[in-house]
Amino acid sequence: MKWQAEMALASDAARLAADVLLGTFSHDAGVRSQIGKDIKTRADIDAEGLITRHLSVSGLPIVGEETARDTSPTEGLRWLVDPLDGTMNFTRGFPMHAVSIALWDGPTPVLGVIYDLPRRLLYTGCCGVGAWRDGKPIRVSETDRSDQAILATGFPTGRDYGARSLESFILRVQAFKKIRMIGSAVLSLVMVAEGVFDTYLEEDIMIWDVAAGLALVNSAGGTIKMTAGRRPHAVTASATNGRIHV
């Protein structure tokens, strides 16, 4: 399989970070700052450092949540890392958080690796090849009607919370049977990839929050779309089972 070495490298990095994070009690995560709707912890920083050191042998640029700058690369092959997606969930003991590592080539996903921490499950996907949960194949749902579909979404820290923006968002999603917000973008996308949810939409979310999840959905037979957001590295991202549009 093409990209086998990179997949193995990312999988090992995710497991190593998971070992560190699982050894940290949720209420002792070392909160460093809480600015607006964002939260940073020592656990995020330590896990990203470990992942970065492990991936560095590839020689590829690494863009991580804790270290990214406006000038970080957006083209060519590069790693996109969120060491702990769902940080607030992690600090509160809510079991929806994950390690997220992706390899992208410009605007195109190559592979994604996600470690679901509470359930201790490793999800891997290689675009054009397939997607797996602990080595077993997964596939998107076959739901073909919006009024029977579950949409996963969220309100990321940097989105526009103005009345007009929120009204537009509600109009866009009200056709779906159910809406779910679990506080982890990458695990929302995992659930699309394995057919639990049918579609996903989130506006102005950072690319590293969704990169591995979008790769997984694409690998599992789904359709993904991404447009530039309002800030550097922010995107509006959607993913579906390919039968439903959002």
C-alpha atoms as a PDB file:
ATOM      1  CA  MET A   1       0.000   0.000   0.000  1.00  0.00           C
ATOM      2  CA  LYS A   2       1.279   3.449  -0.919  1.00  0.00           C
ATOM      3  CA  TRP A   3       1.869   5.616   2.139  1.00  0.00           C
ATOM      4  CA  GLN A   4       2.257   2.505   4.318  1.00  0.00           C
ATOM      5  CA  ALA A   5       5.350   3.881   6.055  1.00  0.00           C
ATOM      6  CA  GLU A   6       3.661   7.209   6.776  1.00  0.00           C
ATOM      7  CA  MET A   7       0.545   5.441   8.071  1.00  0.00           C
ATOM      8  CA  ALA A   8       2.633   3.306  10.420  1.00  0.00           C
ATOM      9  CA  LEU A   9       4.565   6.354  11.628  1.00  0.00           C
ATOM     10  CA  ALA A  10       1.393   8.342  12.343  1.00  0.00           C
ATOM     11  CA  SER A  11      -0.269   5.358  14.041  1.00  0.00           C
ATOM     12  CA  ASP A  12       2.714   4.891  16.339  1.00  0.00           C
ATOM     13  CA  ALA A  13       2.724   8.617  17.156  1.00  0.00           C
ATOM     14  CA  ALA A  14      -0.995   8.541  17.982  1.00  0.00           C
ATOM     15  CA  ARG A  15      -0.565   5.547  20.290  1.00  0.00           C
ATOM     16  CA  LEU A  16       2.369   7.167  22.081  1.00  0.00           C
ATOM     17  CA  ALA A  17       0.403  10.382  22.624  1.00  0.00           C
ATOM     18  CA  ALA A  18      -2.591   8.352  23.794  1.00  0.00           C
ATOM     19  CA  ASP A  19      -0.452   6.630  26.418  1.00  0.00           C
ATOM     20  CA  VAL A  20       0.596  10.028  27.779  1.00  0.00           C
ATOM     21  CA  LEU A  21      -2.929  11.468  27.740  1.00  0.00           C
ATOM     22  CA  LEU A  22      -4.548   8.372  29.256  1.00  0.00           C
ATOM     23  CA  GLY A  23      -2.075   8.660  32.108  1.00  0.00           C
ATOM     24  CA  THR A  24      -3.319  12.180  32.853  1.00  0.00           C
ATOM     25  CA  PHE A  25      -6.382  12.478  35.046  1.00  0.00           C
ATOM     26  CA  SER A  26      -8.989  14.617  33.291  1.00  0.00           C
ATOM     27  CA  HIS A  27      -9.261  17.077  36.169  1.00  0.00           C
ATOM     28  CA  ASP A  28      -5.460  17.375  36.410  1.00  0.00           C
ATOM     29  CA  ALA A  29      -4.827  18.194  32.756  1.00  0.00           C
ATOM     30  CA  GLY A  30      -2.910  21.358  33.663  1.00  0.00           C
ATOM     31  CA  VAL A  31      -5.089  24.147  32.287  1.00  0.00           C
ATOM     32  CA  ARG A  32      -2.720  26.837  31.037  1.00  0.00           C
ATOM     33  CA  SER A  33      -5.161  29.409  29.696  1.00  0.00           C
ATOM     34  CA  GLN A  34      -8.821  30.053  28.972  1.00  0.00           C
ATOM     35  CA  ILE A  35      -9.311  32.923  26.542  1.00  0.00           C
ATOM     36  CA  GLY A  36     -12.809  33.523  25.257  1.00  0.00           C
ATOM     37  CA  LYS A  37     -14.189  30.149  24.196  1.00  0.00           C
ATOM     38  CA  ASP A  38     -10.760  28.509  23.861  1.00  0.00           C
ATOM     39  CA  ILE A  39      -8.872  26.396  26.399  1.00  0.00           C
ATOM     40  CA  LYS A  40      -5.229  25.272  26.484  1.00  0.00           C
ATOM     41  CA  THR A  41      -3.766  22.609  28.757  1.00  0.00           C
ATOM     42  CA  ARG A  42      -0.376  21.165  29.595  1.00  0.00           C
ATOM     43  CA  ALA A  43      -1.668  17.840  28.258  1.00  0.00           C
ATOM     44  CA  ASP A  44      -2.169  19.341  24.760  1.00  0.00           C
ATOM     45  CA  ILE A  45       1.321  20.818  24.723  1.00  0.00           C
ATOM     46  CA  ASP A  46       3.076  17.688  26.007  1.00  0.00           C
ATOM     47  CA  ALA A  47       1.223  15.421  23.570  1.00  0.00           C
ATOM     48  CA  GLU A  48       1.971  17.656  20.587  1.00  0.00           C
ATOM     49  CA  GLY A  49       5.651  17.761  21.489  1.00  0.00           C
ATOM     50  CA  LEU A  50       5.783  13.973  21.578  1.00  0.00           C
ATOM     51  CA  ILE A  51       3.939  13.631  18.251  1.00  0.00           C
ATOM     52  CA  THR A  52       6.155  16.244  16.598  1.00  0.00           C
ATOM     53  CA  ARG A  53       9.338  14.502  17.692  1.00  0.00           C
ATOM     54  CA  HIS A  54       8.051  11.170  16.386  1.00  0.00           C
ATOM     55  CA  LEU A  55       6.881  12.524  13.011  1.00  0.00           C
ATOM     56  CA  SER A  56      10.031  14.587  12.452  1.00  0.00           C
ATOM     57  CA  VAL A  57      11.893  11.545  11.062  1.00  0.00           C
ATOM     58  CA  SER A  58       9.706  11.859   7.938  1.00  0.00           C
ATOM     59  CA  GLY A  59      11.361  15.160   7.066  1.00  0.00           C
ATOM     60  CA  LEU A  60       7.961  16.680   6.259  1.00  0.00           C
ATOM     61  CA  PRO A  61       6.658  19.972   7.713  1.00  0.00           C
ATOM     62  CA  ILE A  62       4.440  19.601  10.777  1.00  0.00           C
ATOM     63  CA  VAL A  63       1.591  22.027  11.450  1.00  0.00           C
ATOM     64  CA  GLY A  64       0.252  21.521  14.958  1.00  0.00           C
ATOM     65  CA  GLU A  65      -2.534  23.190  16.900  1.00  0.00           C
ATOM     66  CA  GLU A  66      -0.244  24.385  19.680  1.00  0.00           C
ATOM     67  CA  THR A  67       2.631  25.627  17.503  1.00  0.00           C
ATOM     68  CA  ALA A  68       1.038  26.778  14.225  1.00  0.00           C
ATOM     69  CA  ARG A  69       1.687  30.292  12.959  1.00  0.00           C
ATOM     70  CA  ASP A  70       0.011  32.344  10.239  1.00  0.00           C
ATOM     71  CA  THR A  71       3.059  31.545   8.088  1.00  0.00           C
ATOM     72  CA  SER A  72       2.882  27.757   8.607  1.00  0.00           C
ATOM     73  CA  PRO A  73       2.755  25.880   5.278  1.00  0.00           C
ATOM     74  CA  THR A  74      -0.558  25.373   3.516  1.00  0.00           C
ATOM     75  CA  GLU A  75       0.826  23.739   0.363  1.00  0.00           C
ATOM     76  CA  GLY A  76       2.684  20.539  -0.400  1.00  0.00           C
ATOM     77  CA  LEU A  77       2.928  17.430   1.746  1.00  0.00           C
ATOM     78  CA  ARG A  78       2.638  18.228   5.441  1.00  0.00           C
ATOM     79  CA  TRP A  79       1.422  16.753   8.689  1.00  0.00           C
ATOM     80  CA  LEU A  80      -1.600  18.350  10.402  1.00  0.00           C
ATOM     81  CA  VAL A  81      -1.793  17.565  14.096  1.00  0.00           C
ATOM     82  CA  ASP A  82      -4.339  18.132  16.836  1.00  0.00           C
ATOM     83  CA  PRO A  83      -2.861  16.369  19.871  1.00  0.00           C
ATOM     84  CA  LEU A  84      -6.116  16.509  21.837  1.00  0.00           C
ATOM     85  CA  ASP A  85      -9.320  17.316  19.994  1.00  0.00           C
ATOM     86  CA  GLY A  86     -12.079  17.939  22.519  1.00  0.00           C
ATOM     87  CA  THR A  87      -9.905  19.516  25.197  1.00  0.00           C
ATOM     88  CA  MET A  88     -12.817  20.891  27.214  1.00  0.00           C
ATOM     89  CA  ASN A  89     -14.444  17.459  27.181  1.00  0.00           C
ATOM     90  CA  PHE A  90     -11.144  15.994  28.414  1.00  0.00           C
ATOM     91  CA  THR A  91     -10.873  18.424  31.325  1.00  0.00           C
ATOM     92  CA  ARG A  92     -14.472  17.738  32.386  1.00  0.00           C
ATOM     93  CA  GLY A  93     -14.334  13.962  32.041  1.00  0.00           C
ATOM     94  CA  PHE A  94     -16.806  13.882  29.133  1.00  0.00           C
ATOM     95  CA  PRO A  95     -15.770  10.855  27.025  1.00  0.00           C
ATOM     96  CA  MET A  96     -15.431  12.496  23.630  1.00  0.00           C
ATOM     97  CA  HIS A  97     -11.815  13.401  22.874  1.00  0.00           C
ATOM     98  CA  ALA A  98      -9.135  12.071  20.552  1.00  0.00           C
ATOM     99  CA  VAL A  99      -5.641  12.333  19.121  1.00  0.00           C
ATOM    100  CA  SER A 100      -5.752  13.465  15.482  1.00  0.00           C
ATOM    101  CA  ILE A 101      -2.944  13.186  12.903  1.00  0.00           C
ATOM    102  CA  ALA A 102      -3.307  13.704   9.155  1.00  0.00           C
ATOM    103  CA  LEU A 103      -1.109  13.867   6.088  1.00  0.00           C
ATOM    104  CA  TRP A 104      -2.313  16.247   3.377  1.00  0.00           C
ATOM    105  CA  ASP A 105      -0.919  17.323   0.017  1.00  0.00           C
ATOM    106  CA  GLY A 106      -2.021  20.918  -0.496  1.00  0.00           C
ATOM    107  CA  PRO A 107      -5.850  20.923  -0.257  1.00  0.00           C
ATOM    108  CA  THR A 108      -6.078  17.137  -0.658  1.00  0.00           C
ATOM    109  CA  PRO A 109      -6.139  14.572   2.166  1.00  0.00           C
ATOM    110  CA  VAL A 110      -3.761  11.622   1.902  1.00  0.00           C
ATOM    111  CA  LEU A 111      -4.333   9.762   5.164  1.00  0.00           C
ATOM    112  CA  GLY A 112      -5.786  10.203   8.624  1.00  0.00           C
ATOM    113  CA  VAL A 113      -5.110   8.568  11.983  1.00  0.00           C
ATOM    114  CA  ILE A 114      -7.387   9.111  14.978  1.00  0.00           C
ATOM    115  CA  TYR A 115      -7.090   7.580  18.436  1.00  0.00           C
ATOM    116  CA  ASP A 116     -10.391   7.628  20.332  1.00  0.00           C
ATOM    117  CA  LEU A 117      -9.058   7.980  23.877  1.00  0.00           C
ATOM    118  CA  PRO A 118     -12.039   6.903  26.036  1.00  0.00           C
ATOM    119  CA  ARG A 119     -12.774   3.840  23.891  1.00  0.00           C
ATOM    120  CA  ARG A 120      -9.096   3.118  23.119  1.00  0.00           C
ATOM    121  CA  LEU A 121      -9.800   2.596  19.425  1.00  0.00           C
ATOM    122  CA  LEU A 122      -7.476   3.439  16.539  1.00  0.00           C
ATOM    123  CA  TYR A 123      -9.082   4.670  13.310  1.00  0.00           C
ATOM    124  CA  THR A 124      -6.993   4.814  10.148  1.00  0.00           C
ATOM    125  CA  GLY A 125      -7.829   5.829   6.611  1.00  0.00           C
ATOM    126  CA  CYS A 126      -5.869   6.102   3.376  1.00  0.00           C
ATOM    127  CA  CYS A 127      -7.649   7.926   0.573  1.00  0.00           C
ATOM    128  CA  GLY A 128      -8.365   5.687  -2.378  1.00  0.00           C
ATOM    129  CA  VAL A 129      -7.561   2.587  -0.331  1.00  0.00           C
ATOM    130  CA  GLY A 130      -9.934   2.237   2.626  1.00  0.00           C
ATOM    131  CA  ALA A 131     -10.732   3.035   6.251  1.00  0.00           C
ATOM    132  CA  TRP A 132     -10.477   0.880   9.354  1.00  0.00           C
ATOM    133  CA  ARG A 133     -11.288   0.720  13.072  1.00  0.00           C
ATOM    134  CA  ASP A 134      -8.608  -1.334  14.811  1.00  0.00           C
ATOM    135  CA  GLY A 135      -7.934  -3.022  11.485  1.00  0.00           C
ATOM    136  CA  LYS A 136     -11.563  -3.802  10.622  1.00  0.00           C
ATOM    137  CA  PRO A 137     -13.058  -2.023   7.573  1.00  0.00           C
ATOM    138  CA  ILE A 138     -15.599   0.758   8.116  1.00  0.00           C
ATOM    139  CA  ARG A 139     -17.954   2.400   5.646  1.00  0.00           C
ATOM    140  CA  VAL A 140     -20.254   5.424   5.518  1.00  0.00           C
ATOM    141  CA  SER A 141     -24.027   4.991   5.886  1.00  0.00           C
ATOM    142  CA  GLU A 142     -26.511   4.457   3.064  1.00  0.00           C
ATOM    143  CA  THR A 143     -29.077   6.999   4.307  1.00  0.00           C
ATOM    144  CA  ASP A 144     -30.325   8.918   1.286  1.00  0.00           C
ATOM    145  CA  ARG A 145     -32.874  11.354   2.733  1.00  0.00           C
ATOM    146  CA  SER A 146     -32.053  14.449   4.770  1.00  0.00           C
ATOM    147  CA  ASP A 147     -35.247  14.097   6.789  1.00  0.00           C
ATOM    148  CA  GLN A 148     -33.970  10.713   7.987  1.00  0.00           C
ATOM    149  CA  ALA A 149     -30.353  11.771   8.483  1.00  0.00           C
ATOM    150  CA  ILE A 150     -28.277  12.784  11.496  1.00  0.00           C
ATOM    151  CA  LEU A 151     -26.127  15.882  11.069  1.00  0.00           C
ATOM    152  CA  ALA A 152     -23.108  16.377  13.326  1.00  0.00           C
ATOM    153  CA  THR A 153     -21.930  19.921  13.912  1.00  0.00           C
ATOM    154  CA  GLY A 154     -20.422  22.291  16.450  1.00  0.00           C
ATOM    155  CA  PHE A 155     -19.636  25.914  17.198  1.00  0.00           C
ATOM    156  CA  PRO A 156     -15.830  26.327  17.111  1.00  0.00           C
ATOM    157  CA  THR A 157     -14.094  29.059  19.063  1.00  0.00           C
ATOM    158  CA  GLY A 158     -13.508  31.381  16.109  1.00  0.00           C
ATOM    159  CA  ARG A 159     -16.837  31.264  14.304  1.00  0.00           C
ATOM    160  CA  ASP A 160     -19.139  34.264  13.874  1.00  0.00           C
ATOM    161  CA  TYR A 161     -21.735  34.176  16.661  1.00  0.00           C
ATOM    162  CA  GLY A 162     -23.711  37.113  15.261  1.00  0.00           C
ATOM    163  CA  ALA A 163     -27.468  36.787  14.815  1.00  0.00           C
ATOM    164  CA  ARG A 164     -27.310  36.807  11.011  1.00  0.00           C
ATOM    165  CA  SER A 165     -24.652  34.083  10.900  1.00  0.00           C
ATOM    166  CA  LEU A 166     -26.507  31.866  13.362  1.00  0.00           C
ATOM    167  CA  GLU A 167     -29.810  32.343  11.538  1.00  0.00           C
ATOM    168  CA  SER A 168     -28.169  31.350   8.248  1.00  0.00           C
ATOM    169  CA  PHE A 169     -26.693  28.274   9.899  1.00  0.00           C
ATOM    170  CA  ILE A 170     -30.056  27.195  11.338  1.00  0.00           C
ATOM    171  CA  LEU A 171     -31.719  27.551   7.936  1.00  0.00           C
ATOM    172  CA  ARG A 172     -29.002  25.385   6.443  1.00  0.00           C
ATOM    173  CA  VAL A 173     -29.353  22.482   8.903  1.00  0.00           C
ATOM    174  CA  GLN A 174     -33.047  22.450   9.759  1.00  0.00           C
ATOM    175  CA  ALA A 175     -33.880  19.905   7.037  1.00  0.00           C
ATOM    176  CA  PHE A 176     -32.152  17.117   8.968  1.00  0.00           C
ATOM    177  CA  LYS A 177     -33.948  14.685  11.270  1.00  0.00           C
ATOM    178  CA  LYS A 178     -31.529  15.134  14.173  1.00  0.00           C
ATOM    179  CA  ILE A 179     -28.619  17.421  15.051  1.00  0.00           C
ATOM    180  CA  ARG A 180     -25.757  16.250  17.274  1.00  0.00           C
ATOM    181  CA  MET A 181     -22.989  18.260  18.951  1.00  0.00           C
ATOM    182  CA  ILE A 182     -20.422  16.177  20.848  1.00  0.00           C
ATOM    183  CA  GLY A 183     -17.627  18.725  21.307  1.00  0.00           C
ATOM    184  CA  SER A 184     -15.057  16.915  19.162  1.00  0.00           C
ATOM    185  CA  ALA A 185     -14.910  17.646  15.446  1.00  0.00           C
ATOM    186  CA  VAL A 186     -12.698  14.687  14.635  1.00  0.00           C
ATOM    187  CA  LEU A 187     -14.896  12.184  16.490  1.00  0.00           C
ATOM    188  CA  SER A 188     -17.961  13.644  14.772  1.00  0.00           C
ATOM    189  CA  LEU A 189     -16.248  12.834  11.484  1.00  0.00           C
ATOM    190  CA  VAL A 190     -15.288   9.379  12.744  1.00  0.00           C
ATOM    191  CA  MET A 191     -18.985   8.731  13.283  1.00  0.00           C
ATOM    192  CA  VAL A 192     -19.758   9.824   9.735  1.00  0.00           C
ATOM    193  CA  ALA A 193     -17.033   7.505   8.458  1.00  0.00           C
ATOM    194  CA  GLU A 194     -18.442   4.480  10.283  1.00  0.00           C
ATOM    195  CA  GLY A 195     -22.089   5.238   9.500  1.00  0.00           C
ATOM    196  CA  VAL A 196     -23.300   6.368  12.935  1.00  0.00           C
ATOM    197  CA  PHE A 197     -23.922   9.902  11.623  1.00  0.00           C
ATOM    198  CA  ASP A 198     -24.725  10.701   8.005  1.00  0.00           C
ATOM    199  CA  THR A 199     -23.236  14.139   7.494  1.00  0.00           C
ATOM    200  CA  TYR A 200     -21.130  16.836   9.174  1.00  0.00           C
ATOM    201  CA  LEU A 201     -20.855  20.612   8.862  1.00  0.00           C
ATOM    202  CA  GLU A 202     -18.799  23.121  10.790  1.00  0.00           C
ATOM    203  CA  GLU A 203     -17.935  26.724   9.931  1.00  0.00           C
ATOM    204  CA  ASP A 204     -14.640  28.517  10.594  1.00  0.00           C
ATOM    205  CA  ILE A 205     -12.964  25.562  12.266  1.00  0.00           C
ATOM    206  CA  MET A 206      -9.197  25.124  12.217  1.00  0.00           C
ATOM    207  CA  ILE A 207      -7.867  22.719   9.603  1.00  0.00           C
ATOM    208  CA  TRP A 208      -6.033  20.520  12.135  1.00  0.00           C
ATOM    209  CA  ASP A 209      -9.331  19.919  13.959  1.00  0.00           C
ATOM    210  CA  VAL A 210     -10.851  18.224  10.906  1.00  0.00           C
ATOM    211  CA  ALA A 211      -7.935  17.110   8.705  1.00  0.00           C
ATOM    212  CA  ALA A 212      -7.726  13.502   9.910  1.00  0.00           C
ATOM    213  CA  GLY A 213     -11.501  13.144  10.105  1.00  0.00           C
ATOM    214  CA  LEU A 214     -12.030  14.415   6.561  1.00  0.00           C
ATOM    215  CA  ALA A 215      -9.385  11.980   5.336  1.00  0.00           C
ATOM    216  CA  LEU A 216     -11.151   9.145   7.167  1.00  0.00           C
ATOM    217  CA  VAL A 217     -14.575   9.984   5.697  1.00  0.00           C
ATOM    218  CA  ASN A 218     -13.094  10.210   2.208  1.00  0.00           C
ATOM    219  CA  SER A 219     -11.346   6.867   2.732  1.00  0.00           C
ATOM    220  CA  ALA A 220     -14.608   5.286   3.939  1.00  0.00           C
ATOM    221  CA  GLY A 221     -16.451   6.185   0.740  1.00  0.00           C
ATOM    222  CA  GLY A 222     -17.839   9.566   1.728  1.00  0.00           C
ATOM    223  CA  THR A 223     -17.695  12.984   0.107  1.00  0.00           C
ATOM    224  CA  ILE A 224     -15.884  15.951   1.627  1.00  0.00           C
ATOM    225  CA  LYS A 225     -15.798  19.663   0.868  1.00  0.00           C
ATOM    226  CA  MET A 226     -13.734  22.485   2.302  1.00  0.00           C
ATOM    227  CA  THR A 227     -13.609  26.239   1.718  1.00  0.00           C
ATOM    228  CA  ALA A 228     -11.412  28.915   3.261  1.00  0.00           C
ATOM    229  CA  GLY A 229     -12.530  30.399   6.563  1.00  0.00           C
ATOM    230  CA  ARG A 230     -12.146  33.889   7.980  1.00  0.00           C
ATOM    231  CA  ARG A 231      -8.779  33.292   9.694  1.00  0.00           C
ATOM    232  CA  PRO A 232      -5.462  31.736   8.635  1.00  0.00           C
ATOM    233  CA  HIS A 233      -5.787  27.927   8.682  1.00  0.00           C
ATOM    234  CA  ALA A 234      -9.558  28.142   9.332  1.00  0.00           C
ATOM    235  CA  VAL A 235     -11.993  26.360   7.020  1.00  0.00           C
ATOM    236  CA  THR A 236     -15.660  25.636   6.585  1.00  0.00           C
ATOM    237  CA  ALA A 237     -15.786  21.858   6.277  1.00  0.00           C
ATOM    238  CA  SER A 238     -18.522  19.434   5.332  1.00  0.00           C
ATOM    239  CA  ALA A 239     -18.578  15.674   4.944  1.00  0.00           C
ATOM    240  CA  THR A 240     -21.379  13.348   3.896  1.00  0.00           C
ATOM    241  CA  ASN A 241     -22.016   9.739   3.006  1.00  0.00           C
ATOM    242  CA  GLY A 242     -22.182  10.861  -0.629  1.00  0.00           C
ATOM    243  CA  ARG A 243     -25.955  10.439  -0.821  1.00  0.00           C
ATOM    244  CA  ILE A 244     -26.955  13.528   1.171  1.00  0.00           C
ATOM    245  CA  HIS A 245     -25.989  17.145   0.576  1.00  0.00           C
ATOM    246  CA  VAL A 246     -25.446  19.821   3.193  1.00  0.00           C
END
